[in-house]
Amino acid sequence: MDKWEDDIKRYINGEMSTEEQHALEKRALRDPFLADALEGAGLIAAEDFTNDIKDLNAEIGKEQMNTKE
């Protein structure tokens, strides 16, 4: 998730070059999950997106710890 997280944050913050934006948008055409993530991330503030990702990663970490026990 980290790679997508970084790309999506850069995309919604306008930190990508035109070429990078185009490449990410082309990938989203082939990846419904990425397309949904880009669409959803564009509807919230970048800070909220970052906080949501941190919360999700924490929950995933908890679940992984629970399955190891």
PDB file of N, CA and C in Angstrom:
ATOM      1  N   MET A   1       0.820  -1.201   0.000  1.00  0.00           N
ATOM      2  CA  MET A   1       0.000   0.000   0.000  1.00  0.00           C
ATOM      3  C   MET A   1       0.856   1.253   0.000  1.00  0.00           C
ATOM      4  N   ASP A   2       2.048   1.179   0.563  1.00  0.00           N
ATOM      5  CA  ASP A   2       2.860   2.389   0.679  1.00  0.00           C
ATOM      6  C   ASP A   2       3.110   3.063  -0.662  1.00  0.00           C
ATOM      7  N   LYS A   3       3.393   2.266  -1.700  1.00  0.00           N
ATOM      8  CA  LYS A   3       3.657   2.850  -3.013  1.00  0.00           C
ATOM      9  C   LYS A   3       2.428   3.600  -3.516  1.00  0.00           C
ATOM     10  N   TRP A   4       1.262   2.963  -3.434  1.00  0.00           N
ATOM     11  CA  TRP A   4       0.045   3.636  -3.881  1.00  0.00           C
ATOM     12  C   TRP A   4      -0.251   4.841  -3.012  1.00  0.00           C
ATOM     13  N   GLU A   5      -0.035   4.691  -1.715  1.00  0.00           N
ATOM     14  CA  GLU A   5      -0.298   5.802  -0.803  1.00  0.00           C
ATOM     15  C   GLU A   5       0.519   7.024  -1.202  1.00  0.00           C
ATOM     16  N   ASP A   6       1.797   6.832  -1.443  1.00  0.00           N
ATOM     17  CA  ASP A   6       2.661   7.944  -1.841  1.00  0.00           C
ATOM     18  C   ASP A   6       2.215   8.545  -3.170  1.00  0.00           C
ATOM     19  N   ASP A   7       1.910   7.688  -4.132  1.00  0.00           N
ATOM     20  CA  ASP A   7       1.473   8.175  -5.438  1.00  0.00           C
ATOM     21  C   ASP A   7       0.161   8.959  -5.332  1.00  0.00           C
ATOM     22  N   ILE A   8      -0.787   8.429  -4.567  1.00  0.00           N
ATOM     23  CA  ILE A   8      -2.081   9.100  -4.435  1.00  0.00           C
ATOM     24  C   ILE A   8      -1.927  10.432  -3.718  1.00  0.00           C
ATOM     25  N   LYS A   9      -1.117  10.462  -2.654  1.00  0.00           N
ATOM     26  CA  LYS A   9      -0.880  11.726  -1.944  1.00  0.00           C
ATOM     27  C   LYS A   9      -0.251  12.758  -2.879  1.00  0.00           C
ATOM     28  N   ARG A  10       0.758  12.335  -3.620  1.00  0.00           N
ATOM     29  CA  ARG A  10       1.410  13.261  -4.551  1.00  0.00           C
ATOM     30  C   ARG A  10       0.438  13.737  -5.620  1.00  0.00           C
ATOM     31  N   TYR A  11      -0.425  12.832  -6.083  1.00  0.00           N
ATOM     32  CA  TYR A  11      -1.412  13.168  -7.114  1.00  0.00           C
ATOM     33  C   TYR A  11      -2.398  14.213  -6.601  1.00  0.00           C
ATOM     34  N   ILE A  12      -2.984  13.966  -5.432  1.00  0.00           N
ATOM     35  CA  ILE A  12      -3.996  14.909  -4.939  1.00  0.00           C
ATOM     36  C   ILE A  12      -3.390  16.223  -4.452  1.00  0.00           C
ATOM     37  N   ASN A  13      -2.101  16.206  -4.110  1.00  0.00           N
ATOM     38  CA  ASN A  13      -1.428  17.444  -3.701  1.00  0.00           C
ATOM     39  C   ASN A  13      -0.855  18.211  -4.886  1.00  0.00           C
ATOM     40  N   GLY A  14      -0.988  17.657  -6.094  1.00  0.00           N
ATOM     41  CA  GLY A  14      -0.457  18.325  -7.275  1.00  0.00           C
ATOM     42  C   GLY A  14       1.050  18.311  -7.353  1.00  0.00           C
ATOM     43  N   GLU A  15       1.676  17.282  -6.755  1.00  0.00           N
ATOM     44  CA  GLU A  15       3.136  17.206  -6.700  1.00  0.00           C
ATOM     45  C   GLU A  15       3.732  16.331  -7.801  1.00  0.00           C
ATOM     46  N   MET A  16       2.886  15.815  -8.692  1.00  0.00           N
ATOM     47  CA  MET A  16       3.374  14.978  -9.788  1.00  0.00           C
ATOM     48  C   MET A  16       3.533  15.806 -11.050  1.00  0.00           C
ATOM     49  N   SER A  17       4.491  15.386 -11.849  1.00  0.00           N
ATOM     50  CA  SER A  17       4.622  15.997 -13.169  1.00  0.00           C
ATOM     51  C   SER A  17       3.423  15.561 -14.010  1.00  0.00           C
ATOM     52  N   THR A  18       3.222  16.241 -15.109  1.00  0.00           N
ATOM     53  CA  THR A  18       2.133  15.876 -16.012  1.00  0.00           C
ATOM     54  C   THR A  18       2.280  14.435 -16.485  1.00  0.00           C
ATOM     55  N   GLU A  19       3.510  14.021 -16.759  1.00  0.00           N
ATOM     56  CA  GLU A  19       3.757  12.658 -17.219  1.00  0.00           C
ATOM     57  C   GLU A  19       3.408  11.640 -16.134  1.00  0.00           C
ATOM     58  N   GLU A  20       3.783  11.949 -14.892  1.00  0.00           N
ATOM     59  CA  GLU A  20       3.470  11.041 -13.787  1.00  0.00           C
ATOM     60  C   GLU A  20       1.958  10.948 -13.569  1.00  0.00           C
ATOM     61  N   GLN A  21       1.274  12.077 -13.649  1.00  0.00           N
ATOM     62  CA  GLN A  21      -0.182  12.080 -13.500  1.00  0.00           C
ATOM     63  C   GLN A  21      -0.829  11.216 -14.569  1.00  0.00           C
ATOM     64  N   HIS A  22      -0.382  11.402 -15.781  1.00  0.00           N
ATOM     65  CA  HIS A  22      -0.931  10.639 -16.904  1.00  0.00           C
ATOM     66  C   HIS A  22      -0.704   9.140 -16.715  1.00  0.00           C
ATOM     67  N   ALA A  23       0.501   8.773 -16.284  1.00  0.00           N
ATOM     68  CA  ALA A  23       0.816   7.357 -16.071  1.00  0.00           C
ATOM     69  C   ALA A  23      -0.059   6.771 -14.961  1.00  0.00           C
ATOM     70  N   LEU A  24      -0.270   7.517 -13.893  1.00  0.00           N
ATOM     71  CA  LEU A  24      -1.110   7.035 -12.796  1.00  0.00           C
ATOM     72  C   LEU A  24      -2.561   6.898 -13.245  1.00  0.00           C
ATOM     73  N   GLU A  25      -3.031   7.854 -14.012  1.00  0.00           N
ATOM     74  CA  GLU A  25      -4.405   7.795 -14.522  1.00  0.00           C
ATOM     75  C   GLU A  25      -4.583   6.602 -15.472  1.00  0.00           C
ATOM     76  N   LYS A  26      -3.564   6.309 -16.276  1.00  0.00           N
ATOM     77  CA  LYS A  26      -3.632   5.141 -17.170  1.00  0.00           C
ATOM     78  C   LYS A  26      -3.672   3.851 -16.360  1.00  0.00           C
ATOM     79  N   ARG A  27      -2.867   3.792 -15.287  1.00  0.00           N
ATOM     80  CA  ARG A  27      -2.905   2.601 -14.418  1.00  0.00           C
ATOM     81  C   ARG A  27      -4.280   2.446 -13.786  1.00  0.00           C
ATOM     82  N   ALA A  28      -4.887   3.571 -13.412  1.00  0.00           N
ATOM     83  CA  ALA A  28      -6.213   3.531 -12.788  1.00  0.00           C
ATOM     84  C   ALA A  28      -7.273   3.001 -13.750  1.00  0.00           C
ATOM     85  N   LEU A  29      -7.079   3.195 -15.036  1.00  0.00           N
ATOM     86  CA  LEU A  29      -8.024   2.652 -16.013  1.00  0.00           C
ATOM     87  C   LEU A  29      -8.018   1.125 -16.023  1.00  0.00           C
ATOM     88  N   ARG A  30      -6.890   0.546 -15.656  1.00  0.00           N
ATOM     89  CA  ARG A  30      -6.756  -0.920 -15.636  1.00  0.00           C
ATOM     90  C   ARG A  30      -6.948  -1.510 -14.234  1.00  0.00           C
ATOM     91  N   ASP A  31      -6.982  -0.645 -13.218  1.00  0.00           N
ATOM     92  CA  ASP A  31      -7.045  -1.107 -11.824  1.00  0.00           C
ATOM     93  C   ASP A  31      -8.218  -0.426 -11.116  1.00  0.00           C
ATOM     94  N   PRO A  32      -9.345  -1.118 -11.005  1.00  0.00           N
ATOM     95  CA  PRO A  32     -10.527  -0.512 -10.383  1.00  0.00           C
ATOM     96  C   PRO A  32     -10.288  -0.051  -8.950  1.00  0.00           C
ATOM     97  N   PHE A  33      -9.456  -0.775  -8.199  1.00  0.00           N
ATOM     98  CA  PHE A  33      -9.157  -0.369  -6.829  1.00  0.00           C
ATOM     99  C   PHE A  33      -8.448   0.979  -6.810  1.00  0.00           C
ATOM    100  N   LEU A  34      -7.455   1.136  -7.670  1.00  0.00           N
ATOM    101  CA  LEU A  34      -6.735   2.401  -7.757  1.00  0.00           C
ATOM    102  C   LEU A  34      -7.662   3.516  -8.222  1.00  0.00           C
ATOM    103  N   ALA A  35      -8.519   3.228  -9.189  1.00  0.00           N
ATOM    104  CA  ALA A  35      -9.463   4.238  -9.677  1.00  0.00           C
ATOM    105  C   ALA A  35     -10.372   4.716  -8.547  1.00  0.00           C
ATOM    106  N   ASP A  36     -10.888   3.779  -7.762  1.00  0.00           N
ATOM    107  CA  ASP A  36     -11.740   4.147  -6.630  1.00  0.00           C
ATOM    108  C   ASP A  36     -10.963   4.944  -5.589  1.00  0.00           C
ATOM    109  N   ALA A  37      -9.725   4.541  -5.351  1.00  0.00           N
ATOM    110  CA  ALA A  37      -8.898   5.248  -4.372  1.00  0.00           C
ATOM    111  C   ALA A  37      -8.631   6.683  -4.815  1.00  0.00           C
ATOM    112  N   LEU A  38      -8.312   6.872  -6.090  1.00  0.00           N
ATOM    113  CA  LEU A  38      -8.075   8.222  -6.597  1.00  0.00           C
ATOM    114  C   LEU A  38      -9.338   9.075  -6.502  1.00  0.00           C
ATOM    115  N   GLU A  39     -10.459   8.484  -6.863  1.00  0.00           N
ATOM    116  CA  GLU A  39     -11.711   9.218  -6.810  1.00  0.00           C
ATOM    117  C   GLU A  39     -12.051   9.605  -5.372  1.00  0.00           C
ATOM    118  N   GLY A  40     -11.946   8.660  -4.464  1.00  0.00           N
ATOM    119  CA  GLY A  40     -12.258   8.935  -3.066  1.00  0.00           C
ATOM    120  C   GLY A  40     -11.293   9.919  -2.436  1.00  0.00           C
ATOM    121  N   ALA A  41     -10.012   9.770  -2.732  1.00  0.00           N
ATOM    122  CA  ALA A  41      -9.008  10.668  -2.167  1.00  0.00           C
ATOM    123  C   ALA A  41      -9.205  12.094  -2.659  1.00  0.00           C
ATOM    124  N   GLY A  42      -9.707  12.224  -3.873  1.00  0.00           N
ATOM    125  CA  GLY A  42      -9.942  13.558  -4.417  1.00  0.00           C
ATOM    126  C   GLY A  42     -11.101  14.288  -3.760  1.00  0.00           C
ATOM    127  N   LEU A  43     -11.907  13.550  -3.010  1.00  0.00           N
ATOM    128  CA  LEU A  43     -13.076  14.147  -2.357  1.00  0.00           C
ATOM    129  C   LEU A  43     -12.792  14.642  -0.944  1.00  0.00           C
ATOM    130  N   ILE A  44     -11.604  14.312  -0.415  1.00  0.00           N
ATOM    131  CA  ILE A  44     -11.270  14.735   0.942  1.00  0.00           C
ATOM    132  C   ILE A  44      -9.959  15.511   0.924  1.00  0.00           C
ATOM    133  N   ALA A  45      -9.694  16.199   2.020  1.00  0.00           N
ATOM    134  CA  ALA A  45      -8.443  16.951   2.141  1.00  0.00           C
ATOM    135  C   ALA A  45      -7.268  15.978   2.209  1.00  0.00           C
ATOM    136  N   ALA A  46      -6.129  16.405   1.710  1.00  0.00           N
ATOM    137  CA  ALA A  46      -4.938  15.553   1.700  1.00  0.00           C
ATOM    138  C   ALA A  46      -4.568  15.106   3.112  1.00  0.00           C
ATOM    139  N   GLU A  47      -4.710  15.981   4.079  1.00  0.00           N
ATOM    140  CA  GLU A  47      -4.390  15.625   5.470  1.00  0.00           C
ATOM    141  C   GLU A  47      -5.334  14.536   5.977  1.00  0.00           C
ATOM    142  N   ASP A  48      -6.611  14.649   5.635  1.00  0.00           N
ATOM    143  CA  ASP A  48      -7.574  13.620   6.033  1.00  0.00           C
ATOM    144  C   ASP A  48      -7.235  12.282   5.382  1.00  0.00           C
ATOM    145  N   PHE A  49      -6.818  12.318   4.122  1.00  0.00           N
ATOM    146  CA  PHE A  49      -6.416  11.097   3.429  1.00  0.00           C
ATOM    147  C   PHE A  49      -5.253  10.442   4.168  1.00  0.00           C
ATOM    148  N   THR A  50      -4.246  11.236   4.512  1.00  0.00           N
ATOM    149  CA  THR A  50      -3.080  10.709   5.219  1.00  0.00           C
ATOM    150  C   THR A  50      -3.483  10.103   6.553  1.00  0.00           C
ATOM    151  N   ASN A  51      -4.337  10.785   7.290  1.00  0.00           N
ATOM    152  CA  ASN A  51      -4.785  10.263   8.581  1.00  0.00           C
ATOM    153  C   ASN A  51      -5.595   8.984   8.416  1.00  0.00           C
ATOM    154  N   ASP A  52      -6.434   8.929   7.400  1.00  0.00           N
ATOM    155  CA  ASP A  52      -7.229   7.722   7.149  1.00  0.00           C
ATOM    156  C   ASP A  52      -6.327   6.538   6.826  1.00  0.00           C
ATOM    157  N   ILE A  53      -5.292   6.767   6.038  1.00  0.00           N
ATOM    158  CA  ILE A  53      -4.356   5.692   5.686  1.00  0.00           C
ATOM    159  C   ILE A  53      -3.623   5.205   6.932  1.00  0.00           C
ATOM    160  N   LYS A  54      -3.211   6.126   7.795  1.00  0.00           N
ATOM    161  CA  LYS A  54      -2.545   5.730   9.038  1.00  0.00           C
ATOM    162  C   LYS A  54      -3.471   4.872   9.889  1.00  0.00           C
ATOM    163  N   ASP A  55      -4.725   5.279   9.992  1.00  0.00           N
ATOM    164  CA  ASP A  55      -5.704   4.513  10.767  1.00  0.00           C
ATOM    165  C   ASP A  55      -5.904   3.123  10.165  1.00  0.00           C
ATOM    166  N   LEU A  56      -6.032   3.053   8.846  1.00  0.00           N
ATOM    167  CA  LEU A  56      -6.207   1.754   8.186  1.00  0.00           C
ATOM    168  C   LEU A  56      -5.000   0.846   8.395  1.00  0.00           C
ATOM    169  N   ASN A  57      -3.808   1.411   8.264  1.00  0.00           N
ATOM    170  CA  ASN A  57      -2.602   0.612   8.464  1.00  0.00           C
ATOM    171  C   ASN A  57      -2.512   0.108   9.904  1.00  0.00           C
ATOM    172  N   ALA A  58      -2.928   0.923  10.868  1.00  0.00           N
ATOM    173  CA  ALA A  58      -2.933   0.495  12.271  1.00  0.00           C
ATOM    174  C   ALA A  58      -3.910  -0.655  12.475  1.00  0.00           C
ATOM    175  N   GLU A  59      -5.088  -0.554  11.878  1.00  0.00           N
ATOM    176  CA  GLU A  59      -6.084  -1.625  12.000  1.00  0.00           C
ATOM    177  C   GLU A  59      -5.598  -2.914  11.330  1.00  0.00           C
ATOM    178  N   ILE A  60      -4.961  -2.785  10.193  1.00  0.00           N
ATOM    179  CA  ILE A  60      -4.417  -3.957   9.508  1.00  0.00           C
ATOM    180  C   ILE A  60      -3.354  -4.610  10.372  1.00  0.00           C
ATOM    181  N   GLY A  61      -2.513  -3.797  10.977  1.00  0.00           N
ATOM    182  CA  GLY A  61      -1.481  -4.321  11.870  1.00  0.00           C
ATOM    183  C   GLY A  61      -2.074  -5.070  13.051  1.00  0.00           C
ATOM    184  N   LYS A  62      -3.150  -4.541  13.627  1.00  0.00           N
ATOM    185  CA  LYS A  62      -3.834  -5.214  14.732  1.00  0.00           C
ATOM    186  C   LYS A  62      -4.396  -6.556  14.283  1.00  0.00           C
ATOM    187  N   GLU A  63      -5.021  -6.565  13.121  1.00  0.00           N
ATOM    188  CA  GLU A  63      -5.607  -7.807  12.600  1.00  0.00           C
ATOM    189  C   GLU A  63      -4.528  -8.853  12.345  1.00  0.00           C
ATOM    190  N   GLN A  64      -3.407  -8.420  11.816  1.00  0.00           N
ATOM    191  CA  GLN A  64      -2.330  -9.358  11.530  1.00  0.00           C
ATOM    192  C   GLN A  64      -1.765  -9.938  12.834  1.00  0.00           C
ATOM    193  N   MET A  65      -1.676  -9.117  13.858  1.00  0.00           N
ATOM    194  CA  MET A  65      -1.193  -9.596  15.160  1.00  0.00           C
ATOM    195  C   MET A  65      -2.184 -10.605  15.746  1.00  0.00           C
ATOM    196  N   ASN A  66      -3.481 -10.349  15.578  1.00  0.00           N
ATOM    197  CA  ASN A  66      -4.498 -11.249  16.108  1.00  0.00           C
ATOM    198  C   ASN A  66      -4.495 -12.601  15.403  1.00  0.00           C
ATOM    199  N   THR A  67      -4.198 -12.608  14.120  1.00  0.00           N
ATOM    200  CA  THR A  67      -4.190 -13.876  13.387  1.00  0.00           C
ATOM    201  C   THR A  67      -2.949 -14.692  13.681  1.00  0.00           C
ATOM    202  N   LYS A  68      -1.883 -14.055  14.154  1.00  0.00           N
ATOM    203  CA  LYS A  68      -0.656 -14.765  14.494  1.00  0.00           C
ATOM    204  C   LYS A  68      -0.767 -15.449  15.847  1.00  0.00           C
ATOM    205  N   GLU A  69      -1.674 -14.998  16.663  1.00  0.00           N
ATOM    206  CA  GLU A  69      -1.801 -15.551  18.026  1.00  0.00           C
ATOM    207  C   GLU A  69      -2.525 -16.859  18.042  1.00  0.00           C
TER     208      GLU A  69
END
